[in-house]
PDB file of N, CA and C in Angstrom:
ATOM      1  N   UNK A   1     -13.699 -21.846   8.773  1.00  0.00           N
ATOM      2  CA  UNK A   1     -13.303 -21.571  10.402  1.00  0.00           C
ATOM      3  C   UNK A   1     -11.845 -21.613  10.324  1.00  0.00           C
ATOM      4  N   UNK A   2     -10.710 -22.560   9.240  1.00  0.00           N
ATOM      5  CA  UNK A   2      -9.287 -22.560   9.381  1.00  0.00           C
ATOM      6  C   UNK A   2      -9.183 -20.836   9.435  1.00  0.00           C
ATOM      7  N   UNK A   3      -9.816 -20.487   8.859  1.00  0.00           N
ATOM      8  CA  UNK A   3      -9.587 -18.813   8.639  1.00  0.00           C
ATOM      9  C   UNK A   3      -9.137 -18.125   9.837  1.00  0.00           C
ATOM     10  N   UNK A   4     -10.295 -18.371  10.327  1.00  0.00           N
ATOM     11  CA  UNK A   4     -10.471 -17.689  11.952  1.00  0.00           C
ATOM     12  C   UNK A   4      -9.815 -18.222  12.719  1.00  0.00           C
ATOM     13  N   UNK A   5      -9.230 -19.857  12.499  1.00  0.00           N
ATOM     14  CA  UNK A   5      -8.211 -20.042  14.009  1.00  0.00           C
ATOM     15  C   UNK A   5      -7.038 -19.160  13.652  1.00  0.00           C
ATOM     16  N   UNK A   6      -6.685 -19.477  12.245  1.00  0.00           N
ATOM     17  CA  UNK A   6      -5.338 -18.368  11.859  1.00  0.00           C
ATOM     18  C   UNK A   6      -5.632 -17.138  12.427  1.00  0.00           C
ATOM     19  N   UNK A   7      -6.524 -16.273  12.382  1.00  0.00           N
ATOM     20  CA  UNK A   7      -6.778 -14.960  12.671  1.00  0.00           C
ATOM     21  C   UNK A   7      -7.027 -14.816  13.917  1.00  0.00           C
ATOM     22  N   UNK A   8      -7.311 -15.867  14.753  1.00  0.00           N
ATOM     23  CA  UNK A   8      -6.946 -15.743  16.590  1.00  0.00           C
ATOM     24  C   UNK A   8      -5.475 -16.146  16.710  1.00  0.00           C
ATOM     25  N   UNK A   9      -4.942 -16.710  15.602  1.00  0.00           N
ATOM     26  CA  UNK A   9      -3.201 -16.891  16.460  1.00  0.00           C
ATOM     27  C   UNK A   9      -2.826 -15.793  16.084  1.00  0.00           C
ATOM     28  N   UNK A  10      -2.777 -15.031  14.845  1.00  0.00           N
ATOM     29  CA  UNK A  10      -2.309 -14.039  14.464  1.00  0.00           C
ATOM     30  C   UNK A  10      -2.727 -12.733  15.363  1.00  0.00           C
ATOM     31  N   UNK A  11      -3.311 -12.610  16.036  1.00  0.00           N
ATOM     32  CA  UNK A  11      -4.044 -11.799  16.632  1.00  0.00           C
ATOM     33  C   UNK A  11      -2.596 -11.569  17.917  1.00  0.00           C
ATOM     34  N   UNK A  12      -1.932 -13.110  18.536  1.00  0.00           N
ATOM     35  CA  UNK A  12      -0.580 -12.323  19.194  1.00  0.00           C
ATOM     36  C   UNK A  12       0.150 -11.476  18.686  1.00  0.00           C
ATOM     37  N   UNK A  13       0.396 -11.248  17.133  1.00  0.00           N
ATOM     38  CA  UNK A  13       1.488 -10.788  16.369  1.00  0.00           C
ATOM     39  C   UNK A  13       1.263  -9.546  16.103  1.00  0.00           C
ATOM     40  N   UNK A  14      -0.237  -9.061  16.886  1.00  0.00           N
ATOM     41  CA  UNK A  14      -0.419  -7.386  16.229  1.00  0.00           C
ATOM     42  C   UNK A  14       0.242  -6.672  16.931  1.00  0.00           C
ATOM     43  N   UNK A  15       0.680  -6.130  16.006  1.00  0.00           N
ATOM     44  CA  UNK A  15       1.462  -4.604  17.133  1.00  0.00           C
ATOM     45  C   UNK A  15      -0.135  -3.752  17.615  1.00  0.00           C
ATOM     46  N   UNK A  16       1.185  -3.145  18.686  1.00  0.00           N
ATOM     47  CA  UNK A  16      -0.076  -2.053  19.597  1.00  0.00           C
ATOM     48  C   UNK A  16      -0.375  -2.012  18.813  1.00  0.00           C
ATOM     49  N   UNK A  17      -0.306  -0.690  17.792  1.00  0.00           N
ATOM     50  CA  UNK A  17      -1.279  -0.132  16.672  1.00  0.00           C
ATOM     51  C   UNK A  17      -2.161  -1.009  16.592  1.00  0.00           C
ATOM     52  N   UNK A  18      -2.005  -1.889  16.080  1.00  0.00           N
ATOM     53  CA  UNK A  18      -2.649  -3.003  15.632  1.00  0.00           C
ATOM     54  C   UNK A  18      -4.030  -3.008  16.590  1.00  0.00           C
ATOM     55  N   UNK A  19      -3.764  -2.974  17.563  1.00  0.00           N
ATOM     56  CA  UNK A  19      -4.667  -3.944  18.643  1.00  0.00           C
ATOM     57  C   UNK A  19      -5.285  -2.428  19.016  1.00  0.00           C
ATOM     58  N   UNK A  20      -4.641  -0.853  19.111  1.00  0.00           N
ATOM     59  CA  UNK A  20      -5.341  -0.389  19.173  1.00  0.00           C
ATOM     60  C   UNK A  20      -6.523   0.942  18.459  1.00  0.00           C
ATOM     61  N   UNK A  21      -5.677   0.878  17.362  1.00  0.00           N
ATOM     62  CA  UNK A  21      -6.550   1.278  15.561  1.00  0.00           C
ATOM     63  C   UNK A  21      -6.943   0.082  15.202  1.00  0.00           C
ATOM     64  N   UNK A  22      -7.646  -1.016  15.532  1.00  0.00           N
ATOM     65  CA  UNK A  22      -7.882  -1.617  14.496  1.00  0.00           C
ATOM     66  C   UNK A  22      -8.918  -1.770  13.246  1.00  0.00           C
ATOM     67  N   UNK A  23      -9.814  -0.691  13.519  1.00  0.00           N
ATOM     68  CA  UNK A  23     -10.808   0.536  12.744  1.00  0.00           C
ATOM     69  C   UNK A  23      -9.970   1.198  11.383  1.00  0.00           C
ATOM     70  N   UNK A  24     -10.285   1.277  10.376  1.00  0.00           N
ATOM     71  CA  UNK A  24      -9.515   2.781   9.157  1.00  0.00           C
ATOM     72  C   UNK A  24     -11.054   3.689   9.559  1.00  0.00           C
ATOM     73  N   UNK A  25     -10.563   4.604   9.927  1.00  0.00           N
ATOM     74  CA  UNK A  25     -11.612   5.754   9.530  1.00  0.00           C
ATOM     75  C   UNK A  25     -12.508   5.755   8.030  1.00  0.00           C
ATOM     76  N   UNK A  26     -13.872   5.458   8.516  1.00  0.00           N
ATOM     77  CA  UNK A  26     -14.442   6.045   7.055  1.00  0.00           C
ATOM     78  C   UNK A  26     -14.320   6.920   6.185  1.00  0.00           C
ATOM     79  N   UNK A  27     -14.696   6.583   4.499  1.00  0.00           N
ATOM     80  CA  UNK A  27     -15.202   7.825   3.666  1.00  0.00           C
ATOM     81  C   UNK A  27     -16.110   8.220   3.653  1.00  0.00           C
ATOM     82  N   UNK A  28     -17.562   7.327   4.229  1.00  0.00           N
ATOM     83  CA  UNK A  28     -18.818   7.709   4.140  1.00  0.00           C
ATOM     84  C   UNK A  28     -18.970   8.986   5.216  1.00  0.00           C
ATOM     85  N   UNK A  29     -19.563   8.984   4.175  1.00  0.00           N
ATOM     86  CA  UNK A  29     -20.298  10.328   5.151  1.00  0.00           C
ATOM     87  C   UNK A  29     -21.533  10.488   6.428  1.00  0.00           C
ATOM     88  N   UNK A  30     -21.764  11.095   7.197  1.00  0.00           N
ATOM     89  CA  UNK A  30     -22.364  10.203   8.677  1.00  0.00           C
ATOM     90  C   UNK A  30     -23.924   9.810   8.274  1.00  0.00           C
ATOM     91  N   UNK A  31     -24.017  10.323   7.295  1.00  0.00           N
ATOM     92  CA  UNK A  31     -25.420  10.220   6.851  1.00  0.00           C
ATOM     93  C   UNK A  31     -25.708   8.672   6.201  1.00  0.00           C
ATOM     94  N   UNK A  32     -24.703   8.571   5.425  1.00  0.00           N
ATOM     95  CA  UNK A  32     -24.338   7.554   4.946  1.00  0.00           C
ATOM     96  C   UNK A  32     -23.542   6.155   6.244  1.00  0.00           C
ATOM     97  N   UNK A  33     -23.079   6.781   6.840  1.00  0.00           N
ATOM     98  CA  UNK A  33     -23.491   5.461   7.700  1.00  0.00           C
ATOM     99  C   UNK A  33     -24.404   5.390   9.055  1.00  0.00           C
ATOM    100  N   UNK A  34     -25.251   5.968   8.554  1.00  0.00           N
ATOM    101  CA  UNK A  34     -26.519   5.878   9.528  1.00  0.00           C
ATOM    102  C   UNK A  34     -27.111   4.629   9.074  1.00  0.00           C
ATOM    103  N   UNK A  35     -27.460   4.873   7.314  1.00  0.00           N
ATOM    104  CA  UNK A  35     -27.876   4.482   6.534  1.00  0.00           C
ATOM    105  C   UNK A  35     -27.318   2.161   6.539  1.00  0.00           C
ATOM    106  N   UNK A  36     -26.241   2.515   6.859  1.00  0.00           N
ATOM    107  CA  UNK A  36     -25.582   1.758   6.697  1.00  0.00           C
ATOM    108  C   UNK A  36     -25.716   0.537   8.364  1.00  0.00           C
ATOM    109  N   UNK A  37     -25.442   1.878   8.976  1.00  0.00           N
ATOM    110  CA  UNK A  37     -25.493   0.726  10.531  1.00  0.00           C
ATOM    111  C   UNK A  37     -27.343   0.413  10.873  1.00  0.00           C
ATOM    112  N   UNK A  38     -28.198   1.001   9.800  1.00  0.00           N
ATOM    113  CA  UNK A  38     -29.518   0.780  10.085  1.00  0.00           C
ATOM    114  C   UNK A  38     -29.686  -0.327   9.341  1.00  0.00           C
ATOM    115  N   UNK A  39     -29.493  -0.702   7.716  1.00  0.00           N
ATOM    116  CA  UNK A  39     -29.263  -1.670   7.254  1.00  0.00           C
ATOM    117  C   UNK A  39     -28.807  -2.833   7.892  1.00  0.00           C
ATOM    118  N   UNK A  40     -27.251  -2.319   8.365  1.00  0.00           N
ATOM    119  CA  UNK A  40     -26.943  -3.997   9.093  1.00  0.00           C
ATOM    120  C   UNK A  40     -27.722  -4.524   9.839  1.00  0.00           C
ATOM    121  N   UNK A  41     -29.000  -3.431  11.300  1.00  0.00           N
ATOM    122  CA  UNK A  41     -29.211  -3.855  11.921  1.00  0.00           C
ATOM    123  C   UNK A  41     -31.004  -4.471  11.695  1.00  0.00           C
ATOM    124  N   UNK A  42     -31.230  -4.608  10.440  1.00  0.00           N
ATOM    125  CA  UNK A  42     -32.406  -4.961  10.302  1.00  0.00           C
ATOM    126  C   UNK A  42     -31.962  -6.418   9.989  1.00  0.00           C
ATOM    127  N   UNK A  43     -32.901  -7.544  10.429  1.00  0.00           N
ATOM    128  CA  UNK A  43     -32.641  -8.514   9.895  1.00  0.00           C
ATOM    129  C   UNK A  43     -32.919  -9.160   8.292  1.00  0.00           C
ATOM    130  N   UNK A  44     -31.998  -9.661   7.974  1.00  0.00           N
ATOM    131  CA  UNK A  44     -32.099  -9.782   6.237  1.00  0.00           C
ATOM    132  C   UNK A  44     -33.097 -11.284   5.714  1.00  0.00           C
ATOM    133  N   UNK A  45     -33.789 -10.686   4.574  1.00  0.00           N
ATOM    134  CA  UNK A  45     -34.744 -11.484   4.159  1.00  0.00           C
ATOM    135  C   UNK A  45     -34.691 -12.072   2.987  1.00  0.00           C
ATOM    136  N   UNK A  46     -33.231 -12.000   2.380  1.00  0.00           N
ATOM    137  CA  UNK A  46     -32.921 -12.329   0.934  1.00  0.00           C
ATOM    138  C   UNK A  46     -32.131 -14.120   1.725  1.00  0.00           C
ATOM    139  N   UNK A  47     -32.099 -14.840   1.354  1.00  0.00           N
ATOM    140  CA  UNK A  47     -31.587 -16.416   1.936  1.00  0.00           C
ATOM    141  C   UNK A  47     -29.741 -16.157   1.185  1.00  0.00           C
ATOM    142  N   UNK A  48     -29.305 -14.997   0.225  1.00  0.00           N
ATOM    143  CA  UNK A  48     -28.084 -14.420   0.214  1.00  0.00           C
ATOM    144  C   UNK A  48     -27.434 -13.942   1.382  1.00  0.00           C
ATOM    145  N   UNK A  49     -28.462 -12.599   1.706  1.00  0.00           N
ATOM    146  CA  UNK A  49     -28.270 -11.923   3.018  1.00  0.00           C
ATOM    147  C   UNK A  49     -28.025 -12.451   4.274  1.00  0.00           C
ATOM    148  N   UNK A  50     -28.385 -13.607   4.590  1.00  0.00           N
ATOM    149  CA  UNK A  50     -28.799 -14.595   5.498  1.00  0.00           C
ATOM    150  C   UNK A  50     -27.865 -15.387   5.623  1.00  0.00           C
ATOM    151  N   UNK A  51     -27.434 -15.943   4.622  1.00  0.00           N
ATOM    152  CA  UNK A  51     -25.507 -16.340   4.645  1.00  0.00           C
ATOM    153  C   UNK A  51     -24.603 -15.804   5.107  1.00  0.00           C
ATOM    154  N   UNK A  52     -24.634 -14.134   4.612  1.00  0.00           N
ATOM    155  CA  UNK A  52     -23.868 -14.175   4.411  1.00  0.00           C
ATOM    156  C   UNK A  52     -23.341 -13.076   6.379  1.00  0.00           C
ATOM    157  N   UNK A  53     -24.512 -13.931   7.154  1.00  0.00           N
ATOM    158  CA  UNK A  53     -24.371 -13.313   8.724  1.00  0.00           C
ATOM    159  C   UNK A  53     -23.442 -14.537   9.036  1.00  0.00           C
ATOM    160  N   UNK A  54     -23.336 -15.397   8.640  1.00  0.00           N
ATOM    161  CA  UNK A  54     -22.125 -16.490   9.307  1.00  0.00           C
ATOM    162  C   UNK A  54     -20.719 -16.007   9.018  1.00  0.00           C
ATOM    163  N   UNK A  55     -20.379 -15.183   8.178  1.00  0.00           N
ATOM    164  CA  UNK A  55     -19.076 -14.972   7.637  1.00  0.00           C
ATOM    165  C   UNK A  55     -19.262 -13.374   7.774  1.00  0.00           C
ATOM    166  N   UNK A  56     -19.950 -12.764   9.098  1.00  0.00           N
ATOM    167  CA  UNK A  56     -19.380 -11.754   9.585  1.00  0.00           C
ATOM    168  C   UNK A  56     -17.714 -11.481  10.432  1.00  0.00           C
ATOM    169  N   UNK A  57     -17.456 -13.144  10.718  1.00  0.00           N
ATOM    170  CA  UNK A  57     -16.252 -13.019  12.023  1.00  0.00           C
ATOM    171  C   UNK A  57     -15.273 -12.892  10.861  1.00  0.00           C
ATOM    172  N   UNK A  58     -15.191 -12.781   9.231  1.00  0.00           N
ATOM    173  CA  UNK A  58     -14.119 -12.762   8.508  1.00  0.00           C
ATOM    174  C   UNK A  58     -13.995 -11.698   7.986  1.00  0.00           C
ATOM    175  N   UNK A  59     -14.890 -10.830   8.996  1.00  0.00           N
ATOM    176  CA  UNK A  59     -14.940  -9.266   8.153  1.00  0.00           C
ATOM    177  C   UNK A  59     -13.397  -8.711   8.716  1.00  0.00           C
ATOM    178  N   UNK A  60     -12.798  -8.631   9.722  1.00  0.00           N
ATOM    179  CA  UNK A  60     -11.569  -8.084   9.770  1.00  0.00           C
ATOM    180  C   UNK A  60     -10.589  -8.541   9.212  1.00  0.00           C
ATOM    181  N   UNK A  61     -10.801 -10.010   8.492  1.00  0.00           N
ATOM    182  CA  UNK A  61      -9.864 -10.832   7.515  1.00  0.00           C
ATOM    183  C   UNK A  61     -10.086 -10.074   5.814  1.00  0.00           C
ATOM    184  N   UNK A  62     -10.849  -9.717   6.168  1.00  0.00           N
ATOM    185  CA  UNK A  62     -10.944  -8.862   4.823  1.00  0.00           C
ATOM    186  C   UNK A  62     -10.811  -7.192   5.512  1.00  0.00           C
ATOM    187  N   UNK A  63     -10.825  -7.033   5.868  1.00  0.00           N
ATOM    188  CA  UNK A  63     -10.069  -5.678   6.371  1.00  0.00           C
ATOM    189  C   UNK A  63      -8.665  -5.947   6.515  1.00  0.00           C
ATOM    190  N   UNK A  64      -7.935  -6.311   6.621  1.00  0.00           N
ATOM    191  CA  UNK A  64      -6.677  -6.929   6.855  1.00  0.00           C
ATOM    192  C   UNK A  64      -5.898  -6.888   5.591  1.00  0.00           C
ATOM    193  N   UNK A  65      -6.888  -7.992   4.563  1.00  0.00           N
ATOM    194  CA  UNK A  65      -6.336  -7.979   3.247  1.00  0.00           C
ATOM    195  C   UNK A  65      -6.543  -7.261   2.881  1.00  0.00           C
ATOM    196  N   UNK A  66      -7.364  -6.575   2.644  1.00  0.00           N
ATOM    197  CA  UNK A  66      -7.083  -5.130   2.062  1.00  0.00           C
ATOM    198  C   UNK A  66      -6.372  -4.408   2.176  1.00  0.00           C
ATOM    199  N   UNK A  67      -5.827  -4.168   3.392  1.00  0.00           N
ATOM    200  CA  UNK A  67      -5.265  -3.108   3.518  1.00  0.00           C
ATOM    201  C   UNK A  67      -3.965  -3.472   3.086  1.00  0.00           C
ATOM    202  N   UNK A  68      -3.256  -4.804   3.182  1.00  0.00           N
ATOM    203  CA  UNK A  68      -2.280  -5.097   2.568  1.00  0.00           C
ATOM    204  C   UNK A  68      -1.924  -4.916   0.690  1.00  0.00           C
ATOM    205  N   UNK A  69      -3.496  -5.399   0.363  1.00  0.00           N
ATOM    206  CA  UNK A  69      -3.460  -4.954  -1.000  1.00  0.00           C
ATOM    207  C   UNK A  69      -3.194  -4.145  -1.151  1.00  0.00           C
ATOM    208  N   UNK A  70      -3.715  -2.543  -0.496  1.00  0.00           N
ATOM    209  CA  UNK A  70      -3.141  -1.355  -0.972  1.00  0.00           C
ATOM    210  C   UNK A  70      -2.075  -1.185  -0.735  1.00  0.00           C
ATOM    211  N   UNK A  71      -1.142  -1.602   0.431  1.00  0.00           N
ATOM    212  CA  UNK A  71       0.002  -1.173   0.646  1.00  0.00           C
ATOM    213  C   UNK A  71       0.810  -1.741  -0.439  1.00  0.00           C
ATOM    214  N   UNK A  72       0.680  -3.006  -0.975  1.00  0.00           N
ATOM    215  CA  UNK A  72       1.364  -3.984  -1.676  1.00  0.00           C
ATOM    216  C   UNK A  72       1.464  -2.474  -3.140  1.00  0.00           C
ATOM    217  N   UNK A  73      -0.044  -2.446  -3.343  1.00  0.00           N
ATOM    218  CA  UNK A  73       0.337  -1.602  -4.641  1.00  0.00           C
ATOM    219  C   UNK A  73       0.951  -0.427  -4.671  1.00  0.00           C
ATOM    220  N   UNK A  74       0.821   0.343  -3.572  1.00  0.00           N
ATOM    221  CA  UNK A  74       1.577   1.699  -3.080  1.00  0.00           C
ATOM    222  C   UNK A  74       2.837   1.475  -3.248  1.00  0.00           C
ATOM    223  N   UNK A  75       3.897   0.132  -2.236  1.00  0.00           N
ATOM    224  CA  UNK A  75       5.262  -0.039  -2.115  1.00  0.00           C
ATOM    225  C   UNK A  75       5.517  -0.388  -4.222  1.00  0.00           C
ATOM    226  N   UNK A  76       4.342  -0.944  -4.846  1.00  0.00           N
ATOM    227  CA  UNK A  76       4.828  -0.825  -6.087  1.00  0.00           C
ATOM    228  C   UNK A  76       5.429   0.509  -6.595  1.00  0.00           C
ATOM    229  N   UNK A  77       4.391   1.109  -6.636  1.00  0.00           N
ATOM    230  CA  UNK A  77       4.461   2.767  -7.491  1.00  0.00           C
ATOM    231  C   UNK A  77       4.944   3.389  -6.655  1.00  0.00           C
ATOM    232  N   UNK A  78       5.912   3.150  -5.347  1.00  0.00           N
ATOM    233  CA  UNK A  78       6.934   3.525  -5.247  1.00  0.00           C
ATOM    234  C   UNK A  78       8.186   3.283  -5.747  1.00  0.00           C
ATOM    235  N   UNK A  79       7.892   1.653  -5.443  1.00  0.00           N
ATOM    236  CA  UNK A  79       9.288   0.839  -6.831  1.00  0.00           C
ATOM    237  C   UNK A  79       9.293   1.464  -7.939  1.00  0.00           C
ATOM    238  N   UNK A  80       8.410   1.651  -8.614  1.00  0.00           N
ATOM    239  CA  UNK A  80       8.951   2.534  -9.868  1.00  0.00           C
ATOM    240  C   UNK A  80       9.257   3.494  -9.989  1.00  0.00           C
ATOM    241  N   UNK A  81       8.398   4.487  -9.623  1.00  0.00           N
ATOM    242  CA  UNK A  81       9.300   5.685  -9.014  1.00  0.00           C
ATOM    243  C   UNK A  81      10.801   5.434  -8.897  1.00  0.00           C
ATOM    244  N   UNK A  82      10.967   4.741  -7.718  1.00  0.00           N
ATOM    245  CA  UNK A  82      12.256   4.836  -7.355  1.00  0.00           C
ATOM    246  C   UNK A  82      13.731   3.978  -8.725  1.00  0.00           C
ATOM    247  N   UNK A  83      12.905   3.512  -9.262  1.00  0.00           N
ATOM    248  CA  UNK A  83      13.609   3.027 -10.154  1.00  0.00           C
ATOM    249  C   UNK A  83      13.547   3.811 -11.508  1.00  0.00           C
ATOM    250  N   UNK A  84      12.354   4.754 -11.704  1.00  0.00           N
ATOM    251  CA  UNK A  84      12.869   5.638 -13.028  1.00  0.00           C
ATOM    252  C   UNK A  84      13.750   7.061 -12.230  1.00  0.00           C
ATOM    253  N   UNK A  85      13.596   6.935 -11.151  1.00  0.00           N
ATOM    254  CA  UNK A  85      14.650   8.089 -10.212  1.00  0.00           C
ATOM    255  C   UNK A  85      16.376   7.886 -10.779  1.00  0.00           C
ATOM    256  N   UNK A  86      16.045   6.534 -10.422  1.00  0.00           N
ATOM    257  CA  UNK A  86      17.759   6.243 -10.140  1.00  0.00           C
ATOM    258  C   UNK A  86      18.391   5.650 -11.889  1.00  0.00           C
ATOM    259  N   UNK A  87      17.442   5.551 -12.915  1.00  0.00           N
ATOM    260  CA  UNK A  87      17.548   5.881 -14.246  1.00  0.00           C
ATOM    261  C   UNK A  87      17.996   6.800 -14.233  1.00  0.00           C
ATOM    262  N   UNK A  88      17.400   8.357 -13.905  1.00  0.00           N
ATOM    263  CA  UNK A  88      17.821   8.965 -14.533  1.00  0.00           C
ATOM    264  C   UNK A  88      18.952   9.779 -13.936  1.00  0.00           C
ATOM    265  N   UNK A  89      18.892   9.171 -12.490  1.00  0.00           N
ATOM    266  CA  UNK A  89      20.452   9.396 -11.660  1.00  0.00           C
ATOM    267  C   UNK A  89      21.554   9.107 -13.217  1.00  0.00           C
ATOM    268  N   UNK A  90      21.389   7.857 -12.740  1.00  0.00           N
ATOM    269  CA  UNK A  90      22.497   6.794 -13.627  1.00  0.00           C
ATOM    270  C   UNK A  90      22.655   7.556 -14.649  1.00  0.00           C
ATOM    271  N   UNK A  91      22.385   8.372 -15.406  1.00  0.00           N
ATOM    272  CA  UNK A  91      22.309   8.830 -17.198  1.00  0.00           C
ATOM    273  C   UNK A  91      23.172  10.472 -16.668  1.00  0.00           C
ATOM    274  N   UNK A  92      22.449  11.022 -15.614  1.00  0.00           N
ATOM    275  CA  UNK A  92      23.502  11.721 -15.309  1.00  0.00           C
ATOM    276  C   UNK A  92      24.666  11.853 -14.745  1.00  0.00           C
ATOM    277  N   UNK A  93      25.128  10.499 -14.236  1.00  0.00           N
ATOM    278  CA  UNK A  93      26.188  10.340 -14.097  1.00  0.00           C
ATOM    279  C   UNK A  93      26.813   9.603 -14.944  1.00  0.00           C
ATOM    280  N   UNK A  94      26.419   9.590 -16.103  1.00  0.00           N
ATOM    281  CA  UNK A  94      26.888   8.954 -17.427  1.00  0.00           C
ATOM    282  C   UNK A  94      27.210  10.343 -18.164  1.00  0.00           C
ATOM    283  N   UNK A  95      26.553  10.780 -17.862  1.00  0.00           N
ATOM    284  CA  UNK A  95      26.817  12.507 -18.740  1.00  0.00           C
ATOM    285  C   UNK A  95      28.007  12.895 -18.309  1.00  0.00           C
ATOM    286  N   UNK A  96      28.256  13.362 -16.976  1.00  0.00           N
ATOM    287  CA  UNK A  96      28.758  13.960 -16.339  1.00  0.00           C
ATOM    288  C   UNK A  96      30.647  13.217 -16.445  1.00  0.00           C
ATOM    289  N   UNK A  97      30.763  11.655 -16.514  1.00  0.00           N
ATOM    290  CA  UNK A  97      31.934  11.018 -16.483  1.00  0.00           C
ATOM    291  C   UNK A  97      32.141  11.305 -18.015  1.00  0.00           C
ATOM    292  N   UNK A  98      31.216  11.287 -18.671  1.00  0.00           N
ATOM    293  CA  UNK A  98      31.615  11.155 -20.167  1.00  0.00           C
ATOM    294  C   UNK A  98      32.144  12.990 -20.609  1.00  0.00           C
ATOM    295  N   UNK A  99      31.332  14.004 -19.902  1.00  0.00           N
ATOM    296  CA  UNK A  99      31.884  15.177 -19.605  1.00  0.00           C
ATOM    297  C   UNK A  99      33.595  15.247 -18.903  1.00  0.00           C
ATOM    298  N   UNK A 100      33.410  14.549 -18.265  1.00  0.00           N
ATOM    299  CA  UNK A 100      35.318  14.286 -17.370  1.00  0.00           C
ATOM    300  C   UNK A 100      36.074  13.886 -18.403  1.00  0.00           C
ATOM    301  N   UNK A 101      35.595  12.362 -18.644  1.00  0.00           N
ATOM    302  CA  UNK A 101      36.943  12.593 -19.499  1.00  0.00           C
ATOM    303  C   UNK A 101      37.444  13.097 -20.703  1.00  0.00           C
ATOM    304  N   UNK A 102      36.437  13.550 -21.222  1.00  0.00           N
ATOM    305  CA  UNK A 102      36.741  14.809 -22.151  1.00  0.00           C
ATOM    306  C   UNK A 102      37.699  15.977 -22.271  1.00  0.00           C
ATOM    307  N   UNK A 103      36.790  16.184 -20.911  1.00  0.00           N
ATOM    308  CA  UNK A 103      38.107  17.504 -20.796  1.00  0.00           C
ATOM    309  C   UNK A 103      39.543  17.225 -20.271  1.00  0.00           C
ATOM    310  N   UNK A 104      39.835  15.574 -19.960  1.00  0.00           N
ATOM    311  CA  UNK A 104      40.976  14.948 -19.597  1.00  0.00           C
ATOM    312  C   UNK A 104      41.569  15.075 -20.918  1.00  0.00           C
ATOM    313  N   UNK A 105      41.012  14.339 -22.033  1.00  0.00           N
ATOM    314  CA  UNK A 105      41.778  14.156 -23.247  1.00  0.00           C
ATOM    315  C   UNK A 105      41.668  15.693 -23.813  1.00  0.00           C
ATOM    316  N   UNK A 106      41.222  17.290 -23.711  1.00  0.00           N
ATOM    317  CA  UNK A 106      41.080  18.320 -24.275  1.00  0.00           C
ATOM    318  C   UNK A 106      42.549  19.032 -23.627  1.00  0.00           C
ATOM    319  N   UNK A 107      43.768  19.388 -24.345  1.00  0.00           N
ATOM    320  CA  UNK A 107      44.651  20.065 -23.287  1.00  0.00           C
ATOM    321  C   UNK A 107      44.609  21.015 -22.834  1.00  0.00           C
ATOM    322  N   UNK A 108      45.053  21.270 -21.459  1.00  0.00           N
ATOM    323  CA  UNK A 108      44.361  22.579 -20.536  1.00  0.00           C
ATOM    324  C   UNK A 108      45.181  23.736 -21.203  1.00  0.00           C
ATOM    325  N   UNK A 109      46.494  24.121 -21.675  1.00  0.00           N
ATOM    326  CA  UNK A 109      47.058  24.793 -22.122  1.00  0.00           C
ATOM    327  C   UNK A 109      46.786  24.843 -23.708  1.00  0.00           C
ATOM    328  N   UNK A 110      47.113  26.070 -23.968  1.00  0.00           N
ATOM    329  CA  UNK A 110      47.006  25.801 -26.067  1.00  0.00           C
ATOM    330  C   UNK A 110      48.077  25.533 -26.507  1.00  0.00           C
ATOM    331  N   UNK A 111      48.330  24.770 -27.370  1.00  0.00           N
ATOM    332  CA  UNK A 111      50.058  25.096 -28.010  1.00  0.00           C
ATOM    333  C   UNK A 111      50.868  26.257 -28.107  1.00  0.00           C
ATOM    334  N   UNK A 112      51.969  26.396 -28.052  1.00  0.00           N
ATOM    335  CA  UNK A 112      52.352  27.722 -28.532  1.00  0.00           C
ATOM    336  C   UNK A 112      52.208  27.807 -29.940  1.00  0.00           C
ATOM    337  N   UNK A 113      52.134  28.999 -30.213  1.00  0.00           N
ATOM    338  CA  UNK A 113      52.474  28.808 -31.747  1.00  0.00           C
ATOM    339  C   UNK A 113      53.498  29.182 -32.252  1.00  0.00           C
TER     340      UNK A 113
END
């Protein structure tokens, strides 16, 4: 109940995109979606399935939770890729600076014979 109350409070803070497009496209085929709708419409026989109907209100919470987890993983991968690129660029910069320092030590004109 506490999560549902917090979700109602957070609803006001949603962006327009979240309010207009709260659902994500399904990766199921059309016939799989029809099967899922048919199963959801039928009344459950098992006790666990009946108990789960009490938590239907949490579906939106779990959608958002999963979306955040996926975004978190994507950001971690992006950060790792950027750190790798940064390391590579630093190595290139060090090589360039080492080459520039070496070229300054070498006299430009050869000494006269």
